[in-house]
Amino acid sequence: MAEPRRTWKQVLSRFLLLDLIKGLLVTFKYQAPKHCYTEQYPLVRPKVAERFRGAPRLNLDPETGESLCIACNLCAIACPEDLITVVEAVREYVDHEGKTKKKRVLVDYTYDTSRCMFCGHCQDVCPTYAIELTQEFELAIYRRKDFVWSWEMLEKGIEQPIYTR
């Protein structure tokens, strides 16, 4: 097949790269200094969206100070990445009527933040609202083994650094 003939305007436009120049003009128009601003990040913390999901936390009962987790294992089942490990034990106790009953008690809880995609499934299925994804976003760690958070670390939350000059 024969190529269609180009006009002299098309040849000149291609030779002078007019399409590239038009694109660069649009780009530079939107990068004018009047539209730029700088956030002073470490000193001024940025506002995070209300529905942002960040670092996980295990909540405590405000009255007793014990963990709200009832070791139902629903968060581990709902997690698409299988990063939550719940270890429970069955303990016997005597209720106020003197009857011996059995209760599941949380023994260990680990959460691997290196594989977490912060989808929120664990938070959604929890019947006691024991686990939640907070607004904290600074999760940088130097060693890979530190990405696995223990039960105690999840309860106290991560300590946000305070930056000063």
Protein backbone atom coordinates (compact mmCIF):
# COMPACT_ATOMS: atom_id res chain seq x y z
CA MET A 1 0.00 0.00 0.00
CA ALA A 2 1.15 3.44 -0.74
CA GLU A 3 1.59 5.94 2.05
CA PRO A 4 -0.70 8.95 1.94
CA ARG A 5 1.06 12.08 0.81
CA ARG A 6 1.80 14.66 3.44
CA THR A 7 1.29 18.33 2.91
CA TRP A 8 4.07 20.82 3.45
CA LYS A 9 2.30 22.07 6.65
CA GLN A 10 2.41 18.57 8.16
CA VAL A 11 6.07 18.13 7.27
CA LEU A 12 6.99 21.53 8.73
CA SER A 13 4.96 20.84 11.90
CA ARG A 14 6.74 17.54 12.40
CA PHE A 15 10.16 19.03 11.67
CA LEU A 16 9.70 21.91 14.15
CA LEU A 17 8.13 19.63 16.81
CA LEU A 18 5.09 21.90 17.19
CA ASP A 19 3.03 19.25 19.05
CA LEU A 20 5.80 18.88 21.62
CA ILE A 21 6.04 22.63 22.10
CA LYS A 22 2.24 22.91 22.56
CA GLY A 23 2.34 20.17 25.19
CA LEU A 24 5.22 21.83 27.04
CA LEU A 25 3.36 25.16 27.06
CA VAL A 26 0.35 23.51 28.71
CA THR A 27 2.62 21.85 31.27
CA PHE A 28 4.48 25.05 32.13
CA LYS A 29 1.20 26.94 32.40
CA TYR A 30 0.09 24.64 35.24
CA GLN A 31 3.48 24.80 36.97
CA ALA A 32 3.51 28.56 37.46
CA PRO A 33 5.09 29.56 40.79
CA LYS A 34 1.88 31.22 41.98
CA HIS A 35 0.26 27.77 42.24
CA CYS A 36 3.12 26.07 44.09
CA TYR A 37 3.36 25.75 47.86
CA THR A 38 5.57 23.84 50.22
CA GLU A 39 4.44 21.93 53.30
CA GLN A 40 6.91 22.09 56.16
CA TYR A 41 6.40 18.36 56.73
CA PRO A 42 8.24 17.25 59.81
CA LEU A 43 7.38 20.38 61.76
CA VAL A 44 3.79 20.72 60.52
CA ARG A 45 1.95 17.42 60.19
CA PRO A 46 -0.20 17.19 57.06
CA LYS A 47 -3.94 16.78 57.27
CA VAL A 48 -4.94 13.23 56.46
CA ALA A 49 -8.26 12.34 54.87
CA GLU A 50 -10.97 11.35 57.33
CA ARG A 51 -11.30 7.84 55.90
CA PHE A 52 -7.54 7.21 55.67
CA ARG A 53 -6.42 3.82 57.02
CA GLY A 54 -3.01 3.74 58.62
CA ALA A 55 -1.27 1.90 61.42
CA PRO A 56 -3.31 -0.81 63.19
CA ARG A 57 -4.17 -0.65 66.89
CA LEU A 58 -5.83 -3.03 69.36
CA ASN A 59 -8.28 -1.14 71.53
CA LEU A 60 -8.63 -1.58 75.27
CA ASP A 61 -11.80 -1.60 77.32
CA PRO A 62 -11.96 1.87 78.95
CA GLU A 63 -13.54 0.51 82.15
CA THR A 64 -11.32 -2.50 82.86
CA GLY A 65 -8.21 -1.71 80.81
CA GLU A 66 -8.26 -5.21 79.29
CA SER A 67 -8.11 -5.96 75.59
CA LEU A 68 -11.43 -5.91 73.75
CA CYS A 69 -10.28 -8.85 71.61
CA ILE A 70 -12.30 -11.98 72.33
CA ALA A 71 -10.03 -14.22 70.20
CA CYS A 72 -12.79 -15.00 67.72
CA ASN A 73 -10.22 -15.14 64.87
CA LEU A 74 -12.55 -13.35 62.43
CA CYS A 75 -9.94 -10.72 61.60
CA ALA A 76 -7.41 -13.38 60.61
CA ILE A 77 -9.99 -15.18 58.46
CA ALA A 78 -11.11 -11.96 56.72
CA CYS A 79 -7.56 -10.80 55.96
CA PRO A 80 -6.78 -11.43 52.27
CA GLU A 81 -3.03 -11.45 52.96
CA ASP A 82 -3.05 -13.86 55.96
CA LEU A 83 -0.90 -11.51 58.01
CA ILE A 84 -2.82 -11.67 61.30
CA THR A 85 -2.11 -14.49 63.74
CA VAL A 86 -4.43 -15.00 66.70
CA VAL A 87 -3.51 -17.53 69.39
CA GLU A 88 -6.20 -18.28 71.93
CA ALA A 89 -6.60 -20.58 74.89
CA VAL A 90 -9.69 -21.97 76.58
CA ARG A 91 -9.83 -21.19 80.27
CA GLU A 92 -12.33 -22.23 82.86
CA TYR A 93 -13.83 -19.75 85.27
CA VAL A 94 -16.56 -19.70 87.89
CA ASP A 95 -19.40 -17.27 87.29
CA HIS A 96 -21.35 -15.40 89.97
CA GLU A 97 -23.78 -18.34 90.36
CA GLY A 98 -20.96 -20.78 91.12
CA LYS A 99 -21.11 -22.60 87.76
CA THR A 100 -17.91 -23.53 85.94
CA LYS A 101 -17.83 -22.13 82.42
CA LYS A 102 -15.28 -22.02 79.61
CA LYS A 103 -14.08 -18.89 77.91
CA ARG A 104 -11.68 -18.22 75.05
CA VAL A 105 -8.86 -15.91 76.07
CA LEU A 106 -6.36 -14.17 73.83
CA VAL A 107 -2.84 -15.49 74.36
CA ASP A 108 -0.93 -13.90 71.48
CA TYR A 109 -1.73 -11.59 68.58
CA THR A 110 0.69 -10.63 65.80
CA TYR A 111 0.19 -8.32 62.83
CA ASP A 112 2.63 -8.13 59.90
CA THR A 113 2.52 -4.56 58.60
CA SER A 114 4.98 -5.26 55.78
CA ARG A 115 2.34 -7.24 53.89
CA CYS A 116 -0.71 -5.21 54.93
CA MET A 117 -2.54 -3.35 52.17
CA PHE A 118 -4.68 -1.44 54.71
CA CYS A 119 -7.95 -2.64 53.22
CA GLY A 120 -9.80 -2.52 56.54
CA HIS A 121 -11.42 -5.97 56.34
CA CYS A 122 -10.08 -6.86 59.79
CA GLN A 123 -11.64 -3.73 61.24
CA ASP A 124 -14.98 -4.30 59.51
CA VAL A 125 -15.54 -7.87 60.74
CA CYS A 126 -14.50 -7.37 64.38
CA PRO A 127 -17.62 -7.76 66.56
CA THR A 128 -16.12 -5.90 69.54
CA TYR A 129 -14.29 -3.14 67.61
CA ALA A 130 -11.05 -4.40 69.10
CA ILE A 131 -8.90 -3.68 66.05
CA GLU A 132 -8.89 -0.46 64.11
CA LEU A 133 -6.74 1.22 61.50
CA THR A 134 -5.69 4.63 62.80
CA GLN A 135 -4.70 7.88 61.08
CA GLU A 136 -0.98 7.31 61.73
CA PHE A 137 0.97 7.06 58.48
CA GLU A 138 4.66 7.12 59.46
CA LEU A 139 5.47 3.41 59.31
CA ALA A 140 9.06 3.50 58.06
CA ILE A 141 11.27 0.90 59.75
CA TYR A 142 14.90 -0.01 59.10
CA ARG A 143 14.75 -3.76 59.79
CA ARG A 144 12.33 -6.18 58.19
CA LYS A 145 11.69 -8.10 61.42
CA ASP A 146 10.33 -4.90 63.03
CA PHE A 147 7.36 -4.93 60.66
CA VAL A 148 5.79 -7.77 62.67
CA TRP A 149 3.97 -6.09 65.53
CA SER A 150 3.25 -7.93 68.75
CA TRP A 151 0.16 -7.74 70.90
CA GLU A 152 1.74 -5.23 73.30
CA MET A 153 2.90 -2.97 70.48
CA LEU A 154 -0.55 -3.00 68.92
CA GLU A 155 -2.15 -2.01 72.22
CA LYS A 156 0.14 0.91 72.97
CA GLY A 157 0.23 2.14 69.36
CA ILE A 158 3.21 3.57 67.55
CA GLU A 159 5.06 6.50 68.99
CA GLN A 160 5.08 9.41 66.61
CA PRO A 161 8.39 11.30 66.63
CA ILE A 162 8.32 14.95 67.62
CA TYR A 163 10.52 17.01 65.33
CA THR A 164 12.15 20.20 66.54
CA ARG A 165 14.69 22.57 65.12
